[in-house]
Protein backbone atom coordinates (compact mmCIF):
# COMPACT_ATOMS: atom_id res chain seq x y z
CA MET A 1 199.38 44.10 -67.37
CA HIS A 2 197.02 44.75 -70.27
CA PRO A 3 197.53 42.20 -72.89
CA LEU A 4 198.08 45.07 -75.40
CA LYS A 5 201.74 46.67 -74.28
CA ARG A 6 202.14 50.18 -74.66
CA PRO A 7 205.29 52.46 -74.66
CA ALA A 8 206.10 54.10 -71.31
CA ALA A 9 205.51 57.57 -72.56
CA VAL A 10 202.08 56.73 -74.11
CA SER A 11 201.03 55.12 -70.60
CA ALA A 12 201.83 58.09 -68.75
CA LEU A 13 200.15 60.70 -71.07
CA ALA A 14 197.25 58.35 -70.83
CA ALA A 15 197.28 58.00 -67.24
CA LEU A 16 197.39 61.82 -66.98
CA ALA A 17 194.54 62.36 -69.16
CA LEU A 18 192.33 59.94 -67.10
CA LEU A 19 193.31 61.40 -63.75
CA ILE A 20 192.42 65.09 -64.98
CA ALA A 21 189.11 63.85 -66.54
CA VAL A 22 187.97 62.10 -63.45
CA ALA A 23 189.47 64.97 -61.18
CA ASP A 24 187.92 67.75 -63.27
CA PRO A 25 184.51 67.16 -64.76
CA ALA A 26 184.36 70.47 -66.22
CA SER A 27 187.69 70.09 -68.56
CA ALA A 28 186.39 67.03 -69.67
CA ARG A 29 183.24 68.52 -70.86
CA SER A 30 185.25 71.45 -72.59
CA ARG A 31 186.89 68.87 -74.79
CA GLY A 32 183.66 67.62 -76.05
CA GLU A 33 183.69 64.08 -74.45
CA GLY A 34 182.37 65.40 -71.34
CA SER A 35 181.96 63.75 -67.71
CA ARG A 36 177.81 64.08 -68.61
CA ASP A 37 177.99 65.02 -64.99
CA ASP A 38 174.50 66.17 -65.26
CA PHE A 39 172.04 63.83 -63.39
CA ALA A 40 168.20 63.77 -62.40
CA GLN A 41 167.10 63.31 -58.88
CA THR A 42 162.99 63.20 -58.76
CA ARG A 43 162.68 63.81 -55.08
CA PRO A 44 164.44 63.23 -51.50
CA VAL A 45 166.48 59.86 -51.67
CA GLY A 46 165.41 57.08 -49.19
CA VAL A 47 167.75 54.27 -48.77
CA PRO A 48 168.66 53.03 -52.43
CA LEU A 49 167.39 49.17 -52.68
CA LEU A 50 168.06 48.60 -56.46
CA ALA A 51 170.34 50.00 -59.06
CA VAL A 52 169.29 49.07 -62.87
CA VAL A 53 172.08 49.53 -65.27
CA SER A 54 170.72 49.63 -69.10
CA LEU A 55 173.63 48.61 -71.47
CA ASN A 56 171.49 49.97 -74.56
CA ASP A 57 170.60 53.00 -72.88
CA GLN A 58 173.78 53.67 -71.28
CA ARG A 59 172.02 54.96 -68.00
CA VAL A 60 171.90 53.95 -64.38
CA THR A 61 168.50 54.17 -62.70
CA ILE A 62 168.29 54.15 -58.83
CA TYR A 63 165.26 52.96 -56.88
CA ASP A 64 164.20 53.19 -53.30
CA ALA A 65 161.26 51.77 -51.52
CA ASP A 66 158.86 54.62 -52.98
CA GLY A 67 160.42 53.94 -56.54
CA LYS A 68 162.73 55.84 -58.75
CA VAL A 69 164.72 58.47 -57.27
CA LEU A 70 167.92 58.96 -59.24
CA ARG A 71 168.97 58.69 -62.93
CA ALA A 72 172.53 59.11 -64.44
CA PRO A 73 174.46 58.53 -67.83
CA VAL A 74 177.04 55.73 -67.63
CA SER A 75 179.65 54.16 -69.73
CA THR A 76 179.82 50.41 -69.71
CA GLY A 77 182.44 47.92 -71.14
CA GLN A 78 183.42 48.49 -74.64
CA THR A 79 183.19 45.48 -77.41
CA GLY A 80 185.44 42.58 -76.21
CA TYR A 81 185.33 43.89 -72.60
CA GLU A 82 181.35 44.23 -72.25
CA THR A 83 179.99 44.70 -68.68
CA PRO A 84 177.96 41.31 -68.75
CA ALA A 85 174.09 41.57 -68.05
CA GLY A 86 173.15 40.18 -64.82
CA ILE A 87 172.35 40.47 -61.22
CA TYR A 88 175.07 41.48 -58.77
CA SER A 89 175.16 43.41 -55.65
CA ILE A 90 177.63 45.97 -53.76
CA ILE A 91 180.24 43.92 -52.03
CA GLU A 92 182.89 46.49 -51.17
CA LYS A 93 183.17 50.47 -50.97
CA ASN A 94 186.16 52.43 -51.30
CA ARG A 95 186.26 55.98 -51.57
CA GLU A 96 189.80 56.46 -52.96
CA HIS A 97 190.57 53.46 -55.04
CA TYR A 98 193.20 53.11 -57.56
CA SER A 99 193.92 50.59 -60.76
CA ASN A 100 197.28 49.04 -60.97
CA LEU A 101 196.50 47.66 -64.40
CA TYR A 102 196.01 51.13 -65.86
CA ASP A 103 198.98 53.30 -64.57
CA ASP A 104 197.66 53.68 -61.38
CA ALA A 105 194.49 55.15 -62.62
CA SER A 106 192.14 56.78 -60.00
CA MET A 107 188.75 55.19 -59.84
CA PRO A 108 186.95 57.30 -56.93
CA PHE A 109 183.85 56.23 -55.25
CA MET A 110 184.62 52.82 -56.07
CA GLN A 111 181.55 50.48 -55.22
CA ARG A 112 182.57 46.75 -56.14
CA ILE A 113 180.16 44.31 -57.45
CA THR A 114 182.46 41.32 -58.28
CA TRP A 115 185.70 39.99 -56.68
CA SER A 116 187.04 39.46 -60.29
CA GLY A 117 187.04 43.38 -60.75
CA ILE A 118 183.87 44.68 -62.05
CA ALA A 119 182.67 47.99 -60.15
CA LEU A 120 180.72 51.29 -60.51
CA HIS A 121 183.02 54.36 -60.02
CA ALA A 122 183.46 57.84 -61.15
CA GLY A 123 185.01 58.19 -64.69
CA VAL A 124 184.84 59.77 -68.15
CA LEU A 125 181.77 59.25 -69.94
CA PRO A 126 182.34 59.66 -73.82
CA GLY A 127 178.44 58.68 -74.64
CA ARG A 128 179.31 55.12 -75.45
CA PRO A 129 180.53 52.22 -73.94
CA ALA A 130 184.29 52.62 -73.19
CA SER A 131 185.54 50.86 -70.09
CA HIS A 132 187.09 47.65 -69.67
CA GLY A 133 184.09 46.20 -67.96
CA CYS A 134 183.36 48.69 -64.73
CA ILE A 135 180.21 50.87 -64.95
CA ARG A 136 181.59 54.65 -65.06
CA LEU A 137 179.20 56.88 -63.64
CA PRO A 138 179.13 61.03 -63.49
CA TYR A 139 181.49 62.50 -60.64
CA ARG A 140 178.95 64.07 -58.60
CA PHE A 141 176.47 61.20 -59.01
CA ALA A 142 179.13 58.82 -58.11
CA GLU A 143 179.95 60.56 -54.77
CA GLN A 144 176.20 61.35 -53.71
CA LEU A 145 175.34 57.63 -54.48
CA PHE A 146 178.38 56.34 -52.48
CA ASP A 147 177.11 58.18 -49.41
CA LEU A 148 173.63 56.65 -49.87
CA THR A 149 174.19 53.15 -50.92
CA LYS A 150 174.77 50.26 -48.06
CA MET A 151 176.55 47.13 -48.78
CA GLY A 152 174.59 44.47 -50.49
CA MET A 153 172.58 46.90 -52.52
CA ARG A 154 171.16 44.93 -55.54
CA VAL A 155 172.69 46.08 -58.79
CA VAL A 156 171.05 44.66 -61.96
CA VAL A 157 172.77 44.82 -65.46
CA VAL A 158 170.08 44.55 -68.35
CA ARG A 159 170.40 44.72 -72.15
CA ASP A 160 167.48 47.06 -72.52
CA ASP A 161 165.97 49.20 -69.73
CA MET A 162 163.47 47.96 -67.34
CA GLY A 163 161.54 49.21 -64.43
CA PRO A 164 160.30 47.54 -61.46
CA VAL A 165 156.67 47.06 -60.57
CA ASP A 166 154.82 46.83 -57.24
CA ILE A 167 153.59 43.15 -56.91
CA ALA A 168 151.66 41.34 -54.13
CA HIS A 169 151.39 37.46 -54.09
CA PRO A 170 150.69 34.68 -51.90
CA ALA A 171 154.00 33.17 -52.47
CA LEU A 172 156.04 36.08 -51.63
CA PHE A 173 157.67 35.91 -48.16
CA LYS A 174 156.62 37.87 -45.35
CA PRO A 175 157.56 38.03 -41.64
CA GLY A 176 156.89 34.90 -39.71
CA PRO A 177 157.19 33.71 -36.03
CA VAL A 178 160.38 32.14 -34.95
CA LYS A 179 159.60 28.44 -35.04
CA SER A 180 163.07 27.05 -34.73
CA GLU A 181 166.15 28.20 -32.79
CA VAL A 182 168.30 27.20 -35.69
CA ALA A 183 166.56 29.94 -37.62
CA LEU A 184 168.90 29.55 -40.60
CA ALA A 185 171.96 29.12 -38.76
CA PRO A 186 174.66 26.50 -40.64
CA THR A 187 173.52 23.12 -40.47
CA ALA A 188 176.86 22.01 -39.06
CA GLU A 189 176.26 24.38 -36.06
CA ARG A 190 176.16 22.09 -32.80
CA SER A 191 172.81 21.90 -31.28
CA ASP A 192 174.05 22.87 -27.69
CA ALA A 193 175.40 25.98 -29.23
CA VAL A 194 172.52 26.72 -31.07
CA GLU A 195 170.53 26.30 -27.64
CA ARG A 196 172.75 28.52 -25.88
CA ARG A 197 172.66 31.48 -28.55
CA SER A 198 168.83 30.91 -28.57
CA MET A 199 168.63 31.38 -24.54
CA ARG A 200 170.76 34.40 -25.01
CA LEU A 201 168.47 35.84 -27.52
CA GLY A 202 165.47 35.04 -25.31
CA VAL A 203 164.06 32.34 -27.66
CA PRO A 204 163.04 29.20 -25.96
CA PRO A 205 164.25 25.52 -26.81
CA ALA A 206 162.27 23.95 -29.65
CA ASP A 207 160.25 21.72 -27.21
CA ALA A 208 159.41 24.88 -25.03
CA GLY A 209 155.76 26.21 -25.60
CA SER A 210 156.46 29.85 -24.57
CA PRO A 211 154.60 32.79 -25.75
CA ALA A 212 158.09 34.02 -27.29
CA ARG A 213 157.67 31.30 -29.59
CA ALA A 214 155.06 33.31 -31.67
CA GLN A 215 157.51 36.59 -31.67
CA THR A 216 159.11 37.40 -35.05
CA TRP A 217 162.78 38.43 -35.23
CA ARG A 218 161.74 42.08 -35.12
CA GLN A 219 159.75 42.06 -32.13
CA ILE A 220 162.38 39.96 -30.57
CA ALA A 221 165.01 42.70 -31.60
CA ALA A 222 162.67 45.55 -30.41
CA ALA A 223 162.21 43.86 -27.01
CA LYS A 224 166.02 43.41 -26.59
CA ALA A 225 166.62 46.96 -27.53
CA ALA A 226 164.19 48.09 -25.14
CA GLN A 227 166.00 45.75 -22.70
CA ALA A 228 169.39 47.14 -23.96
CA GLU A 229 168.16 50.80 -23.41
CA ALA A 230 167.13 49.91 -19.68
CA ALA A 231 170.37 48.19 -18.86
CA ALA A 232 172.44 51.39 -20.17
CA LYS A 233 170.07 53.81 -18.07
CA ALA A 234 170.81 51.33 -14.99
CA SER A 235 174.44 51.02 -15.98
CA GLU A 236 174.67 54.89 -16.08
CA GLU A 237 172.75 55.32 -12.83
CA ALA A 238 175.15 52.68 -11.18
CA ARG A 239 178.09 54.62 -12.55
CA ARG A 240 176.95 57.73 -11.18
CA ALA A 241 176.02 56.06 -7.57
CA ALA A 242 179.47 54.61 -7.62
CA VAL A 243 181.25 58.10 -8.56
CA ARG A 244 179.16 59.53 -5.34
CA THR A 245 179.89 56.85 -2.94
CA ARG A 246 183.62 56.88 -4.13
CA ALA A 247 183.88 60.65 -3.49
CA ASP A 248 182.40 60.39 0.10
CA ALA A 249 184.72 57.44 0.89
CA ALA A 250 187.61 59.27 -0.42
CA LYS A 251 186.97 61.91 2.00
CA SER A 252 186.63 59.68 4.81
CA MET A 253 189.69 57.58 3.87
CA LYS A 254 191.60 60.65 4.01
CA GLU A 255 190.35 61.42 7.53
CA LEU A 256 191.12 57.93 8.25
CA ARG A 257 194.73 58.15 6.92
CA MET A 258 195.38 61.14 9.20
CA ALA A 259 194.11 59.32 12.36
CA GLU A 260 196.09 56.49 11.52
CA GLY A 261 199.26 58.77 11.34
CA ALA A 262 198.44 60.66 14.36
CA ARG A 263 198.25 57.27 16.46
CA SER A 264 201.62 56.24 14.72
CA ARG A 265 203.07 59.27 15.89
CA ALA A 266 201.98 59.06 19.58
CA GLU A 267 203.08 55.40 19.41
CA ALA A 268 206.42 56.66 18.41
CA GLN A 269 206.59 59.07 21.03
CA LEU A 270 205.80 56.77 23.61
CA ARG A 271 208.54 54.42 22.54
CA ASP A 272 211.13 57.42 22.68
CA VAL A 273 210.04 58.37 26.34
CA GLU A 274 210.27 54.58 27.21
CA ARG A 275 214.02 54.54 26.00
CA MET A 276 214.56 57.79 27.85
CA LEU A 277 213.17 56.27 31.00
CA GLU A 278 215.43 53.24 30.50
CA ALA A 279 218.43 55.46 30.08
CA ALA A 280 217.73 57.59 33.44
CA ARG A 281 220.42 57.63 35.96
CA SER A 282 219.04 59.58 38.68
CA PRO A 283 215.74 60.18 40.58
CA GLU A 284 215.06 63.16 39.04
CA ALA A 285 215.71 62.01 35.25
CA THR A 286 213.44 58.98 36.05
CA GLN A 287 210.60 60.98 37.41
CA LYS A 288 210.86 63.58 34.70
CA ALA A 289 210.76 60.55 32.11
CA GLU A 290 207.77 59.07 33.94
CA GLU A 291 205.76 62.29 33.57
CA ILE A 292 206.41 62.44 29.80
CA LYS A 293 205.53 58.88 29.74
CA ALA A 294 202.18 59.66 31.21
CA LYS A 295 201.49 62.53 28.87
CA ALA A 296 202.69 60.23 25.91
CA ALA A 297 200.48 57.49 26.95
CA GLU A 298 197.42 59.97 27.16
CA ARG A 299 198.17 61.25 23.70
CA LEU A 300 198.22 57.67 22.35
CA THR A 301 194.99 56.91 24.20
CA GLU A 302 193.38 59.96 22.72
CA ALA A 303 194.91 59.18 19.06
CA GLN A 304 193.48 55.66 19.38
CA ALA A 305 189.86 56.82 20.18
CA LYS A 306 190.07 59.39 17.41
CA LEU A 307 191.04 56.48 14.99
CA ASP A 308 188.54 54.10 16.45
CA SER A 309 185.81 56.95 15.90
CA VAL A 310 187.15 57.84 12.51
CA LYS A 311 186.96 54.17 11.54
CA ALA A 312 183.72 53.62 12.64
CA GLU A 313 182.46 56.32 10.86
CA ALA A 314 184.30 55.75 7.59
CA GLN A 315 184.26 52.04 7.33
CA PRO A 316 180.55 52.15 6.14
CA LYS A 317 181.23 54.68 3.32
CA ILE A 318 184.33 52.42 2.27
CA ASP A 319 182.13 49.23 2.18
CA ALA A 320 179.51 51.34 0.34
CA ALA A 321 181.60 52.75 -2.37
CA GLU A 322 183.11 49.02 -2.83
CA THR A 323 179.37 47.76 -3.18
CA ALA A 324 178.84 50.39 -5.58
CA ARG A 325 181.83 49.68 -7.65
CA ALA A 326 181.01 46.10 -7.77
CA ALA A 327 177.34 47.02 -8.81
CA ALA A 328 178.44 49.57 -11.48
CA ASN A 329 180.82 46.67 -13.08
CA ALA A 330 177.96 44.22 -12.93
CA ALA A 331 175.76 46.75 -14.43
CA GLU A 332 178.28 47.49 -17.25
CA ALA A 333 178.67 43.92 -17.89
CA ALA A 334 174.62 43.66 -18.06
CA ARG A 335 174.78 46.62 -20.78
CA THR A 336 177.57 44.69 -22.90
CA ALA A 337 175.63 41.64 -22.78
CA ALA A 338 172.13 43.40 -23.34
CA GLN A 339 174.01 44.98 -26.53
CA ASN A 340 175.47 41.96 -27.74
CA GLU A 341 171.86 40.47 -27.60
CA VAL A 342 170.48 43.36 -29.57
CA LYS A 343 173.23 42.83 -32.12
CA LEU A 344 172.44 38.90 -32.42
CA ALA A 345 168.64 39.84 -32.95
CA GLU A 346 169.54 42.43 -35.36
CA ALA A 347 171.81 40.11 -37.22
CA LYS A 348 168.79 37.99 -37.82
CA MET A 349 166.98 40.84 -39.48
CA ALA A 350 169.75 41.34 -41.99
CA PRO A 351 168.29 41.37 -45.51
CA VAL A 352 168.25 37.76 -46.86
CA SER A 353 168.73 36.63 -50.43
CA VAL A 354 166.94 33.59 -51.82
CA PHE A 355 167.90 32.38 -55.57
CA ILE A 356 165.77 29.84 -57.34
CA SER A 357 167.73 28.13 -60.51
CA ARG A 358 165.52 26.38 -62.83
CA GLN A 359 168.70 24.72 -63.95
CA THR A 360 169.24 23.06 -60.72
CA LYS A 361 165.99 22.85 -59.45
CA ARG A 362 167.08 24.10 -56.19
CA LEU A 363 166.43 27.09 -53.86
CA TYR A 364 169.68 28.78 -52.25
CA VAL A 365 169.41 31.28 -49.17
CA ARG A 366 172.39 33.79 -48.22
CA GLN A 367 172.41 36.14 -45.32
CA ALA A 368 175.04 38.83 -44.96
CA PHE A 369 177.00 37.49 -47.64
CA GLN A 370 177.06 33.97 -46.25
CA PRO A 371 175.55 30.74 -47.50
CA ILE A 372 172.79 29.74 -45.08
CA PHE A 373 171.38 26.43 -46.61
CA ASP A 374 169.93 25.13 -49.80
CA THR A 375 167.15 22.82 -50.52
CA GLU A 376 165.16 21.03 -53.58
CA ILE A 377 162.11 22.67 -55.11
CA ALA A 378 159.58 21.70 -57.36
CA ILE A 379 158.90 23.67 -60.84
CA ARG A 380 155.87 23.18 -62.83
CA ASP A 381 156.72 22.44 -66.40
CA PRO A 382 160.60 22.35 -65.62
CA ASP A 383 161.76 22.05 -69.42
CA THR A 384 159.97 25.44 -70.16
CA PRO A 385 162.13 28.64 -69.80
CA ILE A 386 161.08 30.69 -66.89
CA GLY A 387 163.16 33.67 -67.51
CA THR A 388 164.88 35.81 -64.71
CA THR A 389 162.84 38.00 -62.44
CA ILE A 390 164.11 39.65 -59.18
CA TYR A 391 161.85 40.37 -56.55
CA THR A 392 162.56 43.08 -53.81
CA ALA A 393 160.96 43.52 -50.31
CA LEU A 394 160.62 47.28 -50.16
CA SER A 395 159.27 48.33 -46.65
CA TYR A 396 157.21 46.71 -43.61
CA ALA A 397 153.29 46.88 -44.18
CA LYS A 398 150.43 45.93 -41.73
CA ASP A 399 152.52 47.18 -38.77
CA GLY A 400 155.41 44.94 -39.60
CA ALA A 401 152.96 41.48 -40.39
CA ASP A 402 153.76 42.07 -44.02
CA VAL A 403 156.17 43.54 -46.64
CA ARG A 404 155.62 45.29 -49.77
CA TRP A 405 157.32 43.74 -52.86
CA SER A 406 158.32 44.78 -56.22
CA ALA A 407 159.28 42.62 -59.28
CA LEU A 408 162.00 43.28 -61.93
CA ALA A 409 162.18 41.13 -65.05
CA MET A 410 165.41 41.07 -66.99
CA TYR A 411 163.69 41.04 -70.07
CA PRO A 412 160.35 42.53 -71.19
CA ASN A 413 158.15 38.98 -71.36
CA ALA A 414 158.68 37.76 -67.86
CA GLY A 415 162.41 37.70 -68.03
CA ILE A 416 162.89 35.59 -71.54
CA PRO A 417 165.05 36.87 -73.89
CA GLU A 418 163.56 37.79 -77.32
CA ALA A 419 165.61 37.25 -80.44
CA GLY A 420 166.66 40.41 -82.13
CA SER A 421 165.24 42.79 -79.54
CA SER A 422 168.43 44.42 -78.61
CA ARG A 423 168.14 48.15 -79.64
CA ARG A 424 171.49 49.81 -79.07
CA GLY A 425 171.28 53.54 -79.86
CA GLU A 426 167.69 53.69 -79.33
CA ARG A 427 167.10 55.23 -75.85
CA ARG A 428 163.64 55.74 -74.19
CA SER A 429 162.76 58.58 -71.93
CA GLU A 430 161.52 56.03 -69.55
CA PRO A 431 161.71 52.34 -69.55
CA PRO A 432 158.94 50.00 -69.77
CA ALA A 433 157.55 48.57 -66.58
CA THR A 434 157.97 44.82 -65.93
CA ASN A 435 154.72 42.76 -66.41
CA ALA A 436 153.11 41.94 -63.33
CA ALA A 437 151.07 39.30 -64.47
CA ALA A 438 154.06 37.59 -65.93
CA ALA A 439 155.97 38.01 -62.59
CA LYS A 440 153.02 36.58 -60.91
CA ALA A 441 152.79 33.58 -63.22
CA VAL A 442 156.58 32.77 -62.50
CA LEU A 443 155.80 32.56 -58.65
CA GLU A 444 152.96 30.24 -59.70
CA ARG A 445 155.08 27.87 -61.20
CA ILE A 446 157.46 27.19 -58.26
CA SER A 447 156.67 24.99 -55.33
CA ILE A 448 158.95 25.70 -51.91
CA PRO A 449 158.87 23.30 -49.08
CA GLN A 450 157.06 24.48 -46.01
CA ASP A 451 159.80 24.36 -43.82
CA ALA A 452 161.99 26.38 -46.05
CA ILE A 453 159.17 28.95 -46.40
CA GLU A 454 159.02 29.41 -42.74
CA ARG A 455 162.91 29.59 -42.13
CA ILE A 456 162.89 32.30 -44.82
CA ASN A 457 159.87 34.07 -43.38
CA GLU A 458 161.50 34.06 -39.71
CA VAL A 459 164.42 36.50 -41.46
CA VAL A 460 162.75 38.35 -44.25
CA SER A 461 163.06 42.08 -43.71
CA PRO A 462 163.05 45.09 -46.31
CA GLY A 463 166.01 44.75 -48.81
CA SER A 464 165.58 40.85 -48.96
CA SER A 465 165.27 39.47 -52.15
CA LEU A 466 164.06 36.39 -54.14
CA ILE A 467 165.64 35.74 -57.76
CA VAL A 468 164.03 33.19 -60.03
CA SER A 469 166.07 32.15 -63.13
CA ASP A 470 166.70 29.86 -65.86
CA GLU A 471 170.58 30.39 -64.96
CA PRO A 472 172.68 28.73 -62.26
CA MET A 473 174.38 30.85 -59.89
CA SER A 474 177.74 32.11 -61.18
CA ALA A 475 180.39 29.44 -59.67
CA LYS A 476 183.16 31.82 -60.43
CA GLU A 477 181.68 35.01 -58.85
CA THR A 478 179.30 33.80 -56.05
CA GLY A 479 181.71 32.92 -53.20
CA LYS A 480 182.84 34.32 -49.89
CA GLY A 481 182.05 37.67 -49.10
CA THR A 482 179.38 38.13 -52.04
CA ASP A 483 175.59 37.86 -52.52
CA PHE A 484 174.30 35.64 -55.56
CA VAL A 485 175.97 36.72 -58.86
CA VAL A 486 173.70 35.33 -61.71
CA LEU A 487 175.06 35.89 -65.40
CA MET A 488 172.98 35.87 -68.33
CA SER A 489 174.29 33.20 -70.64
CA GLY A 490 172.79 34.77 -73.85
CA GLU A 491 174.51 38.13 -73.64
CA PRO A 492 178.32 39.08 -74.09
CA GLN A 493 180.40 38.60 -71.02
CA GLY A 494 183.64 39.97 -72.03
CA GLY A 495 184.24 41.76 -68.78
CA ILE A 496 183.83 38.38 -66.90
CA LYS A 497 185.82 36.39 -69.43
CA THR A 498 188.83 38.60 -69.69
CA ARG A 499 189.06 38.17 -65.62
CA ARG A 500 191.17 35.28 -64.27
CA LYS A 501 189.25 33.23 -61.53
CA PRO A 502 190.23 34.46 -58.12
CA SER A 503 192.99 31.92 -57.01
CA PRO A 504 192.54 30.47 -53.32
CA TYR A 505 196.26 30.71 -53.20
CA GLY A 506 196.24 34.50 -53.03
CA GLY A 507 197.96 36.83 -55.60
CA TYR A 508 196.04 40.01 -56.43
CA GLY A 509 195.37 41.92 -59.69
CA ASP A 510 194.63 45.49 -58.98
CA ASP A 511 193.55 46.78 -55.71
CA ARG A 512 196.47 48.39 -54.17
CA ARG A 513 194.74 48.97 -50.82
CA TYR A 514 192.85 45.44 -50.49
CA ARG A 515 195.57 42.96 -51.46
CA ARG A 516 193.80 39.84 -50.40
CA SER A 517 190.13 39.39 -51.41
CA PRO A 518 187.53 38.06 -49.29
CA TYR A 519 186.89 35.49 -52.04
CA GLY A 520 190.34 34.00 -51.12
CA GLY A 521 192.47 35.44 -53.78
CA GLY A 522 192.92 37.99 -56.47
CA GLY A 523 191.00 39.46 -59.27
CA SER A 524 191.74 42.22 -61.62
CA PHE A 525 190.00 45.83 -61.46
CA TRP A 526 189.59 46.92 -64.99
CA TRP A 527 189.24 50.61 -65.78
């Protein structure tokens, strides 16, 4: 429950007002508060890679590989329930979500960014911070964005709006050859299992000198995709061949069954005649029975000859059908195996997140919301703030040999907050761009072990990111089913502080549909 108890009638009316406002943006506008359902689209939208939410400007800007593409007003957390400035990602999507903290209030097109309950969703936009920590979006914009985004898209909440800038630097990761069959596998994985998986993917063991060693995961995935396509064609051809041979065999088997039936009837007739012969009591009856027996024996001989002829013709077709069926089964198994190999290889191409904390002096790696490895790194002048900068891999370059990167600083001067720089109420039409020189200077202060660089290079792809920060990762929010969550310690964190930490023993706060969080327990969604 909300800490402030309300009378049941008031709660019901509030819930009805909220539901009407979300369901009918036009009615909200007519009341003067408005849904502010207008939003700007600069060009056709590619795959969104980054959302930047400005608390002071109360707006969100969406960036794809080619830059800004969408912008819309928002309403973030009100005083005491502030949406914390920090770095998040989309970890769950639900088109129809409801809050049980706020009278079952509708939260359409919900895109969760913390398991403790902060999300982007459609809601009323009064032109100021008004939520309990969530980021409310215009209804039409929320619907469009929901259909465009993918799990893992980075969401950055800044105090003052900032824009990313294209950047190139030798320290930024780029696709490299697979040098280890471990390739970012968990360190506890057994070597024999790793070797089996490597062989399935066509990657040789560590001591092999195969040319495949020089391949990147992208090249391996492309080769596996080609093999899967060929296996699919072979499976389809084998299936069609099995259908044809089965049809031919079915006709022959029908003729064979008819011939077997004719022989059985001839045998039965002969047995009947033999019983008749045994029962004969006169020479005339015996002679008559002998004549009938001769004809019955002749019919049996003819039926057997017909059966032998039909069987001789049918058996090869039956054998061919059985062979074709076995071949089709084998081809289908090969197709399934090839598709599984493609999935394994493509899993290695999932965007990877790298986080470097000046506070812990460690580098952490996550892929597909799973921790992969961490290692110590060196930072020049470790006692001097380095700020917080997010580097995002935008797209492949140089025929896949490199990737394009952008840099986004949380604060204007390379991510180090300035005292008194808050300017709530003052909104610029365009945000200042991140200082590229300062972002490069951040990279030049960091020394990463070469083996870690090579392991990351093996899996870097568009959508990957590098976060460098003075802050540690949030121990409360970073966990199972999340990417790195980094909170700015110098900013209000009411929207986080008011939420209880997810319990490893279960129990949930507000999601009716998803009663158990992948984090291991609950957490409340706040309207």
